[in-house]
N, C-alpha and C. Protein backbone atom coordinates (compact mmCIF):
# COMPACT_ATOMS: atom_id res chain seq x y z
N MET A 1 85.21 99.28 105.42
CA MET A 1 86.45 98.75 104.88
C MET A 1 87.18 99.86 104.13
N ASN A 2 88.50 99.79 104.18
CA ASN A 2 89.29 100.79 103.48
C ASN A 2 90.24 100.11 102.49
N ARG A 3 90.82 100.93 101.63
CA ARG A 3 91.72 100.45 100.58
C ARG A 3 93.16 100.91 100.81
N ILE A 4 93.53 101.21 102.03
CA ILE A 4 94.86 101.73 102.30
C ILE A 4 95.92 100.75 101.81
N LYS A 5 95.72 99.47 102.07
CA LYS A 5 96.69 98.46 101.65
C LYS A 5 96.91 98.50 100.13
N GLN A 6 95.82 98.57 99.37
CA GLN A 6 95.92 98.58 97.92
C GLN A 6 96.64 99.82 97.41
N VAL A 7 96.33 100.98 98.01
CA VAL A 7 96.95 102.23 97.56
C VAL A 7 98.44 102.22 97.90
N LEU A 8 98.82 101.73 99.08
CA LEU A 8 100.24 101.60 99.41
C LEU A 8 100.94 100.71 98.39
N TYR A 9 100.33 99.58 98.06
CA TYR A 9 100.90 98.65 97.09
C TYR A 9 101.05 99.32 95.72
N GLU A 10 100.01 100.00 95.27
CA GLU A 10 100.03 100.68 93.96
C GLU A 10 101.14 101.72 93.89
N GLN A 11 101.44 102.36 95.02
CA GLN A 11 102.46 103.40 95.05
C GLN A 11 103.82 102.87 95.49
N ASP A 12 103.92 101.58 95.69
CA ASP A 12 105.17 100.92 96.11
C ASP A 12 105.70 101.54 97.42
N LEU A 13 104.79 101.72 98.37
CA LEU A 13 105.14 102.28 99.67
C LEU A 13 104.87 101.25 100.76
N THR A 14 105.51 101.43 101.91
CA THR A 14 105.37 100.47 103.00
C THR A 14 104.54 101.04 104.14
N GLN A 15 104.05 100.12 104.95
CA GLN A 15 103.31 100.52 106.15
C GLN A 15 104.24 101.27 107.11
N THR A 16 105.49 100.87 107.17
CA THR A 16 106.46 101.54 108.04
C THR A 16 106.64 102.99 107.62
N TRP A 17 106.73 103.21 106.32
CA TRP A 17 106.87 104.57 105.79
C TRP A 17 105.66 105.41 106.17
N LEU A 18 104.46 104.85 105.99
CA LEU A 18 103.23 105.57 106.32
C LEU A 18 103.15 105.85 107.82
N ALA A 19 103.53 104.89 108.63
CA ALA A 19 103.51 105.09 110.08
C ALA A 19 104.41 106.25 110.48
N THR A 20 105.59 106.33 109.88
CA THR A 20 106.51 107.43 110.17
C THR A 20 105.90 108.77 109.76
N LYS A 21 105.33 108.83 108.57
CA LYS A 21 104.72 110.07 108.08
C LYS A 21 103.54 110.51 108.95
N LEU A 22 102.78 109.54 109.45
CA LEU A 22 101.61 109.84 110.28
C LEU A 22 101.98 110.14 111.73
N GLY A 23 103.17 109.69 112.14
CA GLY A 23 103.55 109.83 113.55
C GLY A 23 102.81 108.84 114.42
N LYS A 24 102.49 107.67 113.82
CA LYS A 24 101.78 106.62 114.55
C LYS A 24 102.65 105.36 114.55
N SER A 25 102.33 104.45 115.43
CA SER A 25 103.10 103.21 115.50
C SER A 25 102.81 102.34 114.28
N TYR A 26 103.76 101.46 113.98
CA TYR A 26 103.56 100.50 112.91
C TYR A 26 102.32 99.64 113.20
N ASN A 27 102.16 99.24 114.47
CA ASN A 27 101.02 98.39 114.83
C ASN A 27 99.68 99.06 114.55
N MET A 28 99.60 100.37 114.81
CA MET A 28 98.36 101.11 114.54
C MET A 28 98.08 101.15 113.04
N VAL A 29 99.09 101.49 112.26
CA VAL A 29 98.92 101.55 110.81
C VAL A 29 98.58 100.16 110.26
N ASN A 30 99.23 99.13 110.79
CA ASN A 30 98.94 97.77 110.35
C ASN A 30 97.49 97.41 110.64
N SER A 31 96.96 97.86 111.76
CA SER A 31 95.55 97.57 112.08
C SER A 31 94.61 98.28 111.10
N TYR A 32 95.00 99.48 110.62
CA TYR A 32 94.22 100.16 109.58
C TYR A 32 94.28 99.37 108.27
N VAL A 33 95.50 99.00 107.89
CA VAL A 33 95.74 98.32 106.62
C VAL A 33 95.02 96.97 106.57
N GLN A 34 94.99 96.27 107.70
CA GLN A 34 94.35 94.95 107.75
C GLN A 34 92.84 95.05 108.04
N ASN A 35 92.33 96.27 108.13
CA ASN A 35 90.92 96.52 108.40
C ASN A 35 90.44 95.93 109.73
N ARG A 36 91.36 95.83 110.68
CA ARG A 36 90.96 95.43 112.03
C ARG A 36 90.45 96.65 112.80
N ARG A 37 90.89 97.81 112.38
CA ARG A 37 90.49 99.07 113.00
C ARG A 37 90.40 100.11 111.90
N GLN A 38 89.40 100.97 111.99
CA GLN A 38 89.24 102.03 110.99
C GLN A 38 89.76 103.35 111.54
N PRO A 39 90.54 104.08 110.72
CA PRO A 39 91.03 105.38 111.19
C PRO A 39 89.88 106.37 111.32
N SER A 40 90.07 107.35 112.19
CA SER A 40 89.09 108.43 112.30
C SER A 40 89.07 109.19 110.98
N LEU A 41 88.06 109.99 110.76
CA LEU A 41 87.98 110.77 109.53
C LEU A 41 89.18 111.70 109.39
N ASP A 42 89.61 112.31 110.50
CA ASP A 42 90.77 113.20 110.46
C ASP A 42 92.01 112.44 109.99
N VAL A 43 92.22 111.25 110.54
CA VAL A 43 93.39 110.45 110.17
C VAL A 43 93.24 109.97 108.72
N LEU A 44 92.05 109.60 108.31
CA LEU A 44 91.83 109.16 106.94
C LEU A 44 92.18 110.28 105.95
N TYR A 45 91.77 111.50 106.25
CA TYR A 45 92.11 112.64 105.40
C TYR A 45 93.62 112.90 105.41
N GLU A 46 94.26 112.72 106.56
CA GLU A 46 95.71 112.89 106.64
C GLU A 46 96.42 111.83 105.79
N ILE A 47 95.95 110.59 105.85
CA ILE A 47 96.52 109.52 105.03
C ILE A 47 96.36 109.86 103.55
N ALA A 48 95.17 110.31 103.17
CA ALA A 48 94.93 110.68 101.77
C ALA A 48 95.88 111.79 101.33
N SER A 49 96.09 112.75 102.18
CA SER A 49 97.00 113.85 101.86
C SER A 49 98.43 113.34 101.69
N ILE A 50 98.87 112.50 102.60
CA ILE A 50 100.23 111.94 102.53
C ILE A 50 100.41 111.13 101.24
N LEU A 51 99.38 110.35 100.88
CA LEU A 51 99.46 109.50 99.69
C LEU A 51 99.10 110.24 98.41
N LYS A 52 98.69 111.50 98.56
CA LYS A 52 98.33 112.35 97.42
C LYS A 52 97.21 111.73 96.57
N VAL A 53 96.17 111.28 97.28
CA VAL A 53 94.99 110.73 96.61
C VAL A 53 93.75 111.38 97.21
N ASP A 54 92.66 111.31 96.48
CA ASP A 54 91.38 111.76 97.01
C ASP A 54 90.97 110.78 98.10
N VAL A 55 90.42 111.28 99.17
CA VAL A 55 90.03 110.41 100.29
C VAL A 55 89.08 109.31 99.84
N ARG A 56 88.28 109.57 98.82
CA ARG A 56 87.35 108.55 98.31
C ARG A 56 88.07 107.33 97.75
N GLU A 57 89.32 107.51 97.32
CA GLU A 57 90.09 106.37 96.80
C GLU A 57 90.51 105.41 97.91
N LEU A 58 90.41 105.86 99.15
CA LEU A 58 90.78 105.02 100.28
C LEU A 58 89.59 104.24 100.84
N LEU A 59 88.42 104.49 100.28
CA LEU A 59 87.21 103.85 100.81
C LEU A 59 86.62 102.88 99.80
N GLU A 60 86.09 101.78 100.30
CA GLU A 60 85.37 100.84 99.45
C GLU A 60 83.89 101.16 99.51
N SER A 61 83.27 101.09 98.38
CA SER A 61 81.84 101.38 98.31
C SER A 61 81.06 100.27 98.99
N ASN A 62 80.00 100.63 99.67
CA ASN A 62 79.09 99.66 100.28
C ASN A 62 77.90 99.37 99.37
N LYS A 63 77.85 100.06 98.23
CA LYS A 63 76.73 99.87 97.32
C LYS A 63 76.77 98.47 96.71
N ALA A 64 75.62 97.87 96.64
CA ALA A 64 75.51 96.58 95.97
C ALA A 64 75.41 96.83 94.48
N ASP A 65 75.98 95.92 93.69
CA ASP A 65 75.86 96.04 92.24
C ASP A 65 74.39 95.96 91.86
N THR A 66 73.98 96.87 90.99
CA THR A 66 72.57 96.90 90.57
C THR A 66 72.41 96.33 89.18
N LYS A 67 73.41 95.58 88.71
CA LYS A 67 73.34 95.01 87.36
C LYS A 67 72.47 93.79 87.33
């Protein structure tokens, strides 16, 4: 799972804007945002660069809470 949707929201950016910056279709970016499809590592790093965030901010941890 990724956090692209949350980061776009936090930065007040749209999926259309990201699609244009990536050179990908809106439908492809929407599938990333809705977690129907995961971007390749190369694309994930490109998204992080465009959004000016560390790539780790785009990923959700799979670790279970140990509390």
